Amino acid sequence: MTPDGRYFVVRGRLWRRSNPALEEDNRSALVHRLMAARRAVRDALTREDREAEAKARAEVDNTKIALGERGPVWWTDGSPDLNRHMARTTIYAGWLASLDLPRPPG
């Protein structure tokens, strides 16, 4: 997790975290909703049901927005959203380098 708590890093890429201001009950309900929507995507793909897939993907997106992982940022200091950026090309490059982690291939 980045020092400011806004992102976590996977294979060098920043992914926005959920809004920490969400009440735990609400966050938990949203996570359950997200997991159900992801299962619905998987099931629709298995059935090759394009309509169900589109509906399930929309539910994933809406839930991620409600969690604060997509859509408007949840912080208020005016910092830009760096979601999905490679950390090494952002303000987090120095922090990431200081962690002395194994470098991803490529």
C-alpha atoms as a PDB file:
ATOM      1  CA  MET A   1       0.000   0.000   0.000  1.00  0.00           C
ATOM      2  CA  THR A   2       1.279   3.482  -0.846  1.00  0.00           C
ATOM      3  CA  PRO A   3       2.253   5.681   2.108  1.00  0.00           C
ATOM      4  CA  ASP A   4      -0.858   7.839   1.661  1.00  0.00           C
ATOM      5  CA  GLY A   5      -3.131   4.769   1.616  1.00  0.00           C
ATOM      6  CA  ARG A   6      -4.658   5.582  -1.771  1.00  0.00           C
ATOM      7  CA  TYR A   7      -3.301   2.677  -3.802  1.00  0.00           C
ATOM      8  CA  PHE A   8      -1.907  -0.801  -3.561  1.00  0.00           C
ATOM      9  CA  VAL A   9       0.663  -2.062  -6.047  1.00  0.00           C
ATOM     10  CA  VAL A  10       0.441  -5.255  -8.087  1.00  0.00           C
ATOM     11  CA  ARG A  11       3.263  -6.063 -10.506  1.00  0.00           C
ATOM     12  CA  GLY A  12       4.351  -2.426 -10.407  1.00  0.00           C
ATOM     13  CA  ARG A  13       0.897  -1.017 -11.218  1.00  0.00           C
ATOM     14  CA  LEU A  14      -1.152   1.228  -8.916  1.00  0.00           C
ATOM     15  CA  TRP A  15      -4.709   0.159  -8.094  1.00  0.00           C
ATOM     16  CA  ARG A  16      -6.985   2.518  -6.185  1.00  0.00           C
ATOM     17  CA  ARG A  17      -8.096   1.296  -2.770  1.00  0.00           C
ATOM     18  CA  SER A  18     -11.597   1.486  -1.417  1.00  0.00           C
ATOM     19  CA  ASN A  19     -12.602   4.658   0.373  1.00  0.00           C
ATOM     20  CA  PRO A  20     -11.432   4.245   3.986  1.00  0.00           C
ATOM     21  CA  ALA A  21     -14.243   6.547   5.152  1.00  0.00           C
ATOM     22  CA  LEU A  22     -16.897   3.948   4.272  1.00  0.00           C
ATOM     23  CA  GLU A  23     -18.581   2.490   7.320  1.00  0.00           C
ATOM     24  CA  GLU A  24     -17.589  -1.134   7.812  1.00  0.00           C
ATOM     25  CA  ASP A  25     -21.118  -2.504   7.366  1.00  0.00           C
ATOM     26  CA  ASN A  26     -21.526  -0.623   4.089  1.00  0.00           C
ATOM     27  CA  ARG A  27     -18.063  -1.629   2.855  1.00  0.00           C
ATOM     28  CA  SER A  28     -18.701  -5.260   3.708  1.00  0.00           C
ATOM     29  CA  ALA A  29     -22.062  -5.262   1.902  1.00  0.00           C
ATOM     30  CA  LEU A  30     -20.455  -3.662  -1.158  1.00  0.00           C
ATOM     31  CA  VAL A  31     -17.640  -6.242  -1.201  1.00  0.00           C
ATOM     32  CA  HIS A  32     -20.213  -9.046  -1.075  1.00  0.00           C
ATOM     33  CA  ARG A  33     -22.111  -7.359  -3.922  1.00  0.00           C
ATOM     34  CA  LEU A  34     -18.872  -7.055  -5.922  1.00  0.00           C
ATOM     35  CA  MET A  35     -18.016 -10.735  -5.458  1.00  0.00           C
ATOM     36  CA  ALA A  36     -21.537 -11.744  -6.547  1.00  0.00           C
ATOM     37  CA  ALA A  37     -21.246  -9.539  -9.635  1.00  0.00           C
ATOM     38  CA  ARG A  38     -17.861 -11.061 -10.510  1.00  0.00           C
ATOM     39  CA  ARG A  39     -19.332 -14.552 -10.191  1.00  0.00           C
ATOM     40  CA  ALA A  40     -22.194 -13.441 -12.455  1.00  0.00           C
ATOM     41  CA  VAL A  41     -19.638 -12.308 -15.065  1.00  0.00           C
ATOM     42  CA  ARG A  42     -17.915 -15.690 -14.883  1.00  0.00           C
ATOM     43  CA  ASP A  43     -21.201 -17.563 -15.178  1.00  0.00           C
ATOM     44  CA  ALA A  44     -22.374 -15.435 -18.114  1.00  0.00           C
ATOM     45  CA  LEU A  45     -19.089 -16.041 -19.918  1.00  0.00           C
ATOM     46  CA  THR A  46     -19.459 -19.781 -19.336  1.00  0.00           C
ATOM     47  CA  ARG A  47     -22.980 -19.694 -20.787  1.00  0.00           C
ATOM     48  CA  GLU A  48     -21.874 -17.299 -23.566  1.00  0.00           C
ATOM     49  CA  ASP A  49     -24.783 -15.048 -22.540  1.00  0.00           C
ATOM     50  CA  ARG A  50     -23.724 -11.608 -23.802  1.00  0.00           C
ATOM     51  CA  GLU A  51     -26.719  -9.803 -22.269  1.00  0.00           C
ATOM     52  CA  ALA A  52     -26.124 -11.287 -18.813  1.00  0.00           C
ATOM     53  CA  GLU A  53     -22.405 -10.562 -19.145  1.00  0.00           C
ATOM     54  CA  ALA A  54     -23.043  -6.899 -19.936  1.00  0.00           C
ATOM     55  CA  LYS A  55     -25.430  -6.594 -16.991  1.00  0.00           C
ATOM     56  CA  ALA A  56     -22.960  -8.282 -14.630  1.00  0.00           C
ATOM     57  CA  ARG A  57     -20.052  -6.115 -15.816  1.00  0.00           C
ATOM     58  CA  ALA A  58     -22.170  -3.006 -15.258  1.00  0.00           C
ATOM     59  CA  GLU A  59     -22.856  -4.212 -11.707  1.00  0.00           C
ATOM     60  CA  VAL A  60     -19.126  -4.722 -11.118  1.00  0.00           C
ATOM     61  CA  ASP A  61     -18.440  -1.184 -12.343  1.00  0.00           C
ATOM     62  CA  ASN A  62     -21.235   0.374 -10.278  1.00  0.00           C
ATOM     63  CA  THR A  63     -20.091  -1.433  -7.157  1.00  0.00           C
ATOM     64  CA  LYS A  64     -16.462  -0.412  -7.662  1.00  0.00           C
ATOM     65  CA  ILE A  65     -17.639   3.195  -8.009  1.00  0.00           C
ATOM     66  CA  ALA A  66     -19.617   2.858  -4.759  1.00  0.00           C
ATOM     67  CA  LEU A  67     -16.492   1.484  -3.057  1.00  0.00           C
ATOM     68  CA  GLY A  68     -14.433   4.419  -4.343  1.00  0.00           C
ATOM     69  CA  GLU A  69     -12.158   2.234  -6.472  1.00  0.00           C
ATOM     70  CA  ARG A  70     -13.410   3.879  -9.677  1.00  0.00           C
ATOM     71  CA  GLY A  71     -15.138   7.119 -10.533  1.00  0.00           C
ATOM     72  CA  PRO A  72     -14.496  10.314  -8.588  1.00  0.00           C
ATOM     73  CA  VAL A  73     -11.581  10.102  -6.179  1.00  0.00           C
ATOM     74  CA  TRP A  74     -12.373   9.941  -2.479  1.00  0.00           C
ATOM     75  CA  TRP A  75      -9.546  12.220  -1.343  1.00  0.00           C
ATOM     76  CA  THR A  76      -9.979  15.976  -1.237  1.00  0.00           C
ATOM     77  CA  ASP A  77      -6.511  17.475  -1.691  1.00  0.00           C
ATOM     78  CA  GLY A  78      -6.768  17.790  -5.474  1.00  0.00           C
ATOM     79  CA  SER A  79      -4.191  15.092  -6.240  1.00  0.00           C
ATOM     80  CA  PRO A  80      -4.790  13.368  -9.571  1.00  0.00           C
ATOM     81  CA  ASP A  81      -6.053   9.832  -9.905  1.00  0.00           C
ATOM     82  CA  LEU A  82      -3.177   7.531 -10.838  1.00  0.00           C
ATOM     83  CA  ASN A  83      -5.242   4.344 -10.889  1.00  0.00           C
ATOM     84  CA  ARG A  84      -3.731   1.726 -13.204  1.00  0.00           C
ATOM     85  CA  HIS A  85      -0.566   3.771 -13.823  1.00  0.00           C
ATOM     86  CA  MET A  86       2.809   2.124 -13.492  1.00  0.00           C
ATOM     87  CA  ALA A  87       4.119   3.262 -10.107  1.00  0.00           C
ATOM     88  CA  ARG A  88       7.613   3.846 -11.505  1.00  0.00           C
ATOM     89  CA  THR A  89       6.244   6.681 -13.687  1.00  0.00           C
ATOM     90  CA  THR A  90       4.450   8.483 -10.844  1.00  0.00           C
ATOM     91  CA  ILE A  91       5.176  10.371  -7.648  1.00  0.00           C
ATOM     92  CA  TYR A  92       5.435   6.950  -5.973  1.00  0.00           C
ATOM     93  CA  ALA A  93       8.544   5.910  -7.939  1.00  0.00           C
ATOM     94  CA  GLY A  94      11.001   6.767  -5.164  1.00  0.00           C
ATOM     95  CA  TRP A  95       8.893   5.094  -2.505  1.00  0.00           C
ATOM     96  CA  LEU A  96       8.542   1.933  -4.617  1.00  0.00           C
ATOM     97  CA  ALA A  97      12.291   1.828  -5.343  1.00  0.00           C
ATOM     98  CA  SER A  98      13.035   2.156  -1.622  1.00  0.00           C
ATOM     99  CA  LEU A  99      11.128  -1.068  -0.899  1.00  0.00           C
ATOM    100  CA  ASP A 100      13.856  -3.174  -2.541  1.00  0.00           C
ATOM    101  CA  LEU A 101      11.308  -5.559  -4.067  1.00  0.00           C
ATOM    102  CA  PRO A 102      12.122  -8.026  -6.826  1.00  0.00           C
ATOM    103  CA  ARG A 103      11.634  -6.394 -10.217  1.00  0.00           C
ATOM    104  CA  PRO A 104       8.835  -7.730 -12.417  1.00  0.00           C
ATOM    105  CA  PRO A 105      10.050  -9.422 -15.626  1.00  0.00           C
ATOM    106  CA  GLY A 106      10.155  -7.350 -18.783  1.00  0.00           C
END
